[in-house]
Protein backbone atom coordinates (compact mmCIF):
# COMPACT_ATOMS: atom_id res chain seq x y z
CA UNK A 1 0.00 0.00 0.00
CA UNK A 2 1.42 3.37 -1.03
CA UNK A 3 1.08 6.73 0.63
CA UNK A 4 -2.30 8.46 0.68
CA UNK A 5 -3.13 10.76 -2.21
CA UNK A 6 -3.54 13.73 0.13
CA UNK A 7 -0.01 13.16 1.44
CA UNK A 8 1.45 13.19 -2.06
CA UNK A 9 -0.79 15.66 -3.88
CA UNK A 10 -1.92 18.00 -1.09
CA UNK A 11 -5.52 19.01 -0.52
CA UNK A 12 -6.38 19.10 -4.24
CA UNK A 13 -5.96 15.46 -5.09
CA UNK A 14 -7.62 12.88 -7.34
CA UNK A 15 -10.46 10.78 -6.03
CA UNK A 16 -9.84 7.56 -4.15
CA UNK A 17 -11.32 4.33 -5.48
CA UNK A 18 -13.86 2.52 -3.31
CA UNK A 19 -12.14 -0.84 -3.12
CA UNK A 20 -15.09 -2.35 -1.21
CA UNK A 21 -17.19 -1.63 -4.31
CA UNK A 22 -14.70 -3.37 -6.58
CA UNK A 23 -12.91 -0.24 -7.77
CA UNK A 24 -9.17 -0.49 -8.40
CA UNK A 25 -6.26 1.90 -7.85
CA UNK A 26 -5.58 2.02 -11.56
CA UNK A 27 -4.92 4.90 -13.94
CA UNK A 28 -4.80 4.65 -17.73
CA UNK A 29 -2.81 7.35 -19.56
CA UNK A 30 -3.81 7.42 -23.23
CA UNK A 31 -1.36 9.23 -25.50
CA UNK A 32 -1.30 9.74 -29.24
CA UNK A 33 2.45 9.25 -29.66
CA UNK A 34 5.39 7.94 -27.65
CA UNK A 35 6.52 10.88 -25.42
CA UNK A 36 3.07 12.57 -25.25
CA UNK A 37 2.21 10.88 -21.96
CA UNK A 38 5.45 12.13 -20.41
CA UNK A 39 4.92 15.65 -21.68
CA UNK A 40 1.34 15.75 -20.43
CA UNK A 41 1.25 13.59 -17.31
CA UNK A 42 4.67 12.29 -16.21
CA UNK A 43 4.42 14.03 -12.85
CA UNK A 44 0.96 12.79 -11.94
CA UNK A 45 1.87 9.31 -13.20
CA UNK A 46 4.88 9.21 -10.87
CA UNK A 47 2.78 10.45 -7.94
CA UNK A 48 0.08 7.85 -8.52
CA UNK A 49 2.70 5.11 -8.81
CA UNK A 50 4.20 6.23 -5.48
CA UNK A 51 0.71 6.02 -3.98
CA UNK A 52 0.57 2.36 -4.96
CA UNK A 53 -1.54 2.74 -8.08
CA UNK A 54 -1.05 0.62 -11.17
CA UNK A 55 -0.36 3.19 -13.89
CA UNK A 56 -0.49 2.04 -17.50
CA UNK A 57 0.53 4.00 -20.58
CA UNK A 58 -1.45 3.29 -23.75
CA UNK A 59 0.18 4.70 -26.92
CA UNK A 60 -2.24 4.93 -29.82
CA UNK A 61 -0.03 5.54 -32.88
CA UNK A 62 3.25 3.99 -33.93
CA UNK A 63 5.18 7.28 -34.00
CA UNK A 64 6.41 6.43 -37.49
CA UNK A 65 6.48 9.99 -38.86
CA UNK A 66 8.03 11.87 -35.94
CA UNK A 67 11.54 12.56 -37.19
CA UNK A 68 13.38 14.80 -39.65
CA UNK A 69 16.47 12.56 -39.49
CA UNK A 70 16.93 10.81 -42.87
CA UNK A 71 18.72 7.96 -41.11
CA UNK A 72 15.40 6.79 -39.69
CA UNK A 73 13.23 4.46 -41.73
CA UNK A 74 9.66 4.21 -40.44
CA UNK A 75 10.38 0.71 -39.12
CA UNK A 76 13.48 1.79 -37.23
CA UNK A 77 11.70 4.85 -35.85
CA UNK A 78 8.80 2.76 -34.58
CA UNK A 79 11.13 0.38 -32.72
CA UNK A 80 13.24 3.24 -31.36
CA UNK A 81 10.31 5.22 -30.05
CA UNK A 82 8.68 2.19 -28.44
CA UNK A 83 11.86 1.48 -26.50
CA UNK A 84 12.25 5.15 -25.55
CA UNK A 85 8.71 5.10 -24.12
CA UNK A 86 9.45 1.97 -22.11
CA UNK A 87 12.62 3.58 -20.74
CA UNK A 88 10.77 6.74 -19.74
CA UNK A 89 7.95 4.81 -18.12
CA UNK A 90 10.41 2.79 -16.03
CA UNK A 91 11.92 6.00 -14.65
CA UNK A 92 8.49 7.14 -13.47
CA UNK A 93 7.32 3.88 -11.94
CA UNK A 94 4.71 3.35 -14.68
CA UNK A 95 3.93 -0.36 -14.51
CA UNK A 96 3.50 -1.12 -18.19
CA UNK A 97 3.14 0.33 -21.67
CA UNK A 98 0.73 -0.88 -24.34
CA UNK A 99 0.68 0.07 -28.04
CA UNK A 100 -2.22 0.15 -30.50
CA UNK A 101 -0.01 0.75 -33.57
CA UNK A 102 -2.30 3.03 -35.56
CA UNK A 103 -0.36 4.89 -38.25
CA UNK A 104 1.18 8.17 -37.08
CA UNK A 105 -0.37 11.25 -38.68
CA UNK A 106 -3.35 9.38 -40.11
CA UNK A 107 -5.50 8.88 -37.01
CA UNK A 108 -9.26 9.35 -37.25
CA UNK A 109 -11.71 9.09 -34.32
CA UNK A 110 -13.77 6.35 -35.97
CA UNK A 111 -15.26 3.06 -34.91
CA UNK A 112 -12.03 1.06 -35.19
CA UNK A 113 -10.16 3.37 -32.82
CA UNK A 114 -13.12 3.61 -30.46
CA UNK A 115 -13.42 -0.17 -30.24
CA UNK A 116 -9.71 -0.58 -29.53
CA UNK A 117 -9.88 1.95 -26.70
CA UNK A 118 -13.06 0.46 -25.23
CA UNK A 119 -11.41 -2.97 -25.22
CA UNK A 120 -8.39 -1.57 -23.31
CA UNK A 121 -10.64 0.17 -20.76
CA UNK A 122 -12.80 -2.90 -20.21
CA UNK A 123 -9.75 -5.11 -19.80
CA UNK A 124 -7.78 -2.81 -17.46
CA UNK A 125 -10.80 -1.32 -15.61
CA UNK A 126 -9.15 1.96 -14.54
CA UNK A 127 -10.58 4.29 -11.94
CA UNK A 128 -9.15 7.31 -13.80
CA UNK A 129 -8.21 8.01 -17.40
CA UNK A 130 -5.78 10.74 -18.49
CA UNK A 131 -5.53 11.91 -22.11
CA UNK A 132 -5.32 14.86 -24.51
CA UNK A 133 -8.03 17.51 -24.42
CA UNK A 134 -9.67 17.08 -27.84
CA UNK A 135 -11.28 20.52 -28.03
CA UNK A 136 -8.47 23.01 -28.67
CA UNK A 137 -7.08 23.31 -32.16
CA UNK A 138 -4.76 26.02 -30.84
CA UNK A 139 -3.51 25.72 -27.24
CA UNK A 140 -2.92 28.97 -25.35
CA UNK A 141 -2.40 30.82 -28.63
CA UNK A 142 1.00 29.10 -28.77
CA UNK A 143 0.73 25.54 -30.07
CA UNK A 144 -1.19 23.77 -32.79
CA UNK A 145 -2.82 20.74 -31.20
CA UNK A 146 -1.66 17.86 -33.44
CA UNK A 147 -4.54 16.18 -35.27
CA UNK A 148 -3.54 12.83 -33.73
CA UNK A 149 -3.82 14.41 -30.27
CA UNK A 150 -7.34 15.64 -31.03
CA UNK A 151 -8.41 12.30 -32.50
CA UNK A 152 -6.97 10.39 -29.54
CA UNK A 153 -8.59 12.70 -27.00
CA UNK A 154 -12.00 12.61 -28.68
CA UNK A 155 -12.02 8.85 -29.12
CA UNK A 156 -10.85 8.32 -25.53
CA UNK A 157 -13.58 10.61 -24.16
CA UNK A 158 -16.15 8.72 -26.23
CA UNK A 159 -14.73 5.41 -25.02
CA UNK A 160 -14.98 6.50 -21.39
CA UNK A 161 -18.55 7.66 -21.91
CA UNK A 162 -20.69 6.04 -23.00
CA UNK A 163 -19.10 3.24 -25.02
CA UNK A 164 -17.16 1.33 -22.33
CA UNK A 165 -20.13 1.62 -19.99
CA UNK A 166 -22.86 0.35 -22.30
CA UNK A 167 -23.28 -3.39 -22.70
CA UNK A 168 -24.69 -3.14 -26.21
CA UNK A 169 -21.63 -1.24 -27.45
CA UNK A 170 -19.12 -3.75 -28.84
CA UNK A 171 -20.96 -6.87 -27.63
CA UNK A 172 -18.10 -8.95 -29.01
CA UNK A 173 -16.13 -7.81 -25.95
CA UNK A 174 -18.76 -9.39 -23.69
CA UNK A 175 -18.49 -12.62 -25.65
CA UNK A 176 -14.72 -12.48 -25.05
CA UNK A 177 -15.26 -12.15 -21.30
CA UNK A 178 -14.76 -8.38 -20.97
CA UNK A 179 -17.50 -6.70 -18.98
CA UNK A 180 -18.65 -3.05 -19.28
CA UNK A 181 -16.77 -0.60 -17.11
CA UNK A 182 -17.49 2.82 -15.64
CA UNK A 183 -14.49 5.14 -15.44
CA UNK A 184 -14.94 7.46 -12.46
CA UNK A 185 -12.60 10.35 -13.28
CA UNK A 186 -11.31 11.82 -16.53
CA UNK A 187 -8.34 14.20 -16.79
CA UNK A 188 -7.48 16.11 -19.98
CA UNK A 189 -4.11 17.78 -20.51
CA UNK A 190 -3.53 20.53 -23.04
CA UNK A 191 -6.73 22.26 -21.95
CA UNK A 192 -7.20 25.96 -22.56
CA UNK A 193 -9.35 26.17 -19.42
CA UNK A 194 -7.89 23.73 -16.87
CA UNK A 195 -9.57 23.32 -13.49
CA UNK A 196 -7.16 20.98 -11.67
CA UNK A 197 -3.50 21.62 -10.86
CA UNK A 198 -0.94 19.05 -9.76
CA UNK A 199 2.15 20.49 -8.08
CA UNK A 200 5.11 18.63 -9.58
CA UNK A 201 7.81 20.98 -8.28
CA UNK A 202 9.59 18.15 -6.49
CA UNK A 203 9.20 15.89 -9.53
CA UNK A 204 10.19 18.33 -12.26
CA UNK A 205 13.69 16.95 -12.70
CA UNK A 206 12.27 13.43 -12.95
CA UNK A 207 9.79 14.62 -15.58
CA UNK A 208 12.65 16.17 -17.53
CA UNK A 209 14.61 12.92 -17.28
CA UNK A 210 11.59 11.11 -18.71
CA UNK A 211 11.54 13.52 -21.64
CA UNK A 212 15.28 13.08 -22.16
CA UNK A 213 14.64 9.34 -22.43
CA UNK A 214 13.21 10.23 -25.88
CA UNK A 215 16.41 11.38 -27.66
CA UNK A 216 14.83 10.81 -31.06
CA UNK A 217 12.38 13.59 -30.17
CA UNK A 218 14.09 16.02 -27.81
CA UNK A 219 17.57 17.53 -27.66
CA UNK A 220 19.65 16.79 -24.59
CA UNK A 221 21.50 20.12 -24.42
CA UNK A 222 21.35 22.61 -21.57
CA UNK A 223 19.15 25.02 -23.53
CA UNK A 224 16.37 22.45 -23.81
CA UNK A 225 16.67 21.48 -20.15
CA UNK A 226 16.47 25.10 -19.03
CA UNK A 227 13.45 25.66 -21.27
CA UNK A 228 11.70 22.68 -19.71
CA UNK A 229 12.49 23.98 -16.23
CA UNK A 230 10.46 27.10 -17.00
CA UNK A 231 7.76 25.63 -19.23
CA UNK A 232 5.55 24.32 -16.41
CA UNK A 233 6.37 27.10 -13.92
CA UNK A 234 3.53 29.25 -12.57
CA UNK A 235 3.88 32.88 -11.36
CA UNK A 236 4.49 31.65 -7.80
CA UNK A 237 7.47 29.57 -8.89
CA UNK A 238 5.75 26.22 -8.62
CA UNK A 239 5.87 23.67 -11.43
CA UNK A 240 2.40 22.44 -12.37
CA UNK A 241 0.77 19.86 -14.57
CA UNK A 242 -2.67 21.24 -15.37
CA UNK A 243 -5.76 19.30 -16.41
CA UNK A 244 -9.44 19.65 -17.10
CA UNK A 245 -10.92 17.26 -14.54
CA UNK A 246 -14.28 15.61 -15.07
CA UNK A 247 -15.78 13.58 -12.22
CA UNK A 248 -18.12 11.25 -14.04
CA UNK A 249 -21.79 11.31 -13.04
CA UNK A 250 -22.80 7.86 -14.24
């Protein structure tokens, strides 16, 4: 049994599963590409792992287009980025990483993606799901929200509610022994209007180390590290991961 969430997060902390009702201390982090989970939720993932939760990363695309280096073939890039994500997850205490292998840059929030996500939710049965906010096309007037991020976020939200909950959605899962599941809390990173802050000041260097575990994606020079040290800093000097939190009423 890990530390209590209030001890690790402070007064503003995620909900606690009701284990007597069959709820599990499990969090599913759904990311479009290898490295997205670390950029969006490495700190909260590490905190939940320290609290004794089983944290799983689910990477939706194969990351096969994410390089300007001509030395990378798509096949080599896929293998490289999968290993980088495993290395980063190990640093954070994330228990395991799963991959759906949809093609990078071509993701659409259709029935195939929805069914794959519902299957993962019904199998893992997480209390909380973390993913991209699908709504912004432009984040904070600074970043274009990658189309794969939006497709992943939208399909994950739809999988959480109502698809994973409803027995008549994907009945083939029931035939395979997977029962419907109600996710209790949903957290969206990259939100223009977040409502839930996680103080990761003491974990910032660990988060940066997780990002540096993706050398195919991020430089390892001092300039990048210094930029990351300021990127999540608020006016009070704290480092925050910020989310739009939805406590499900289902």
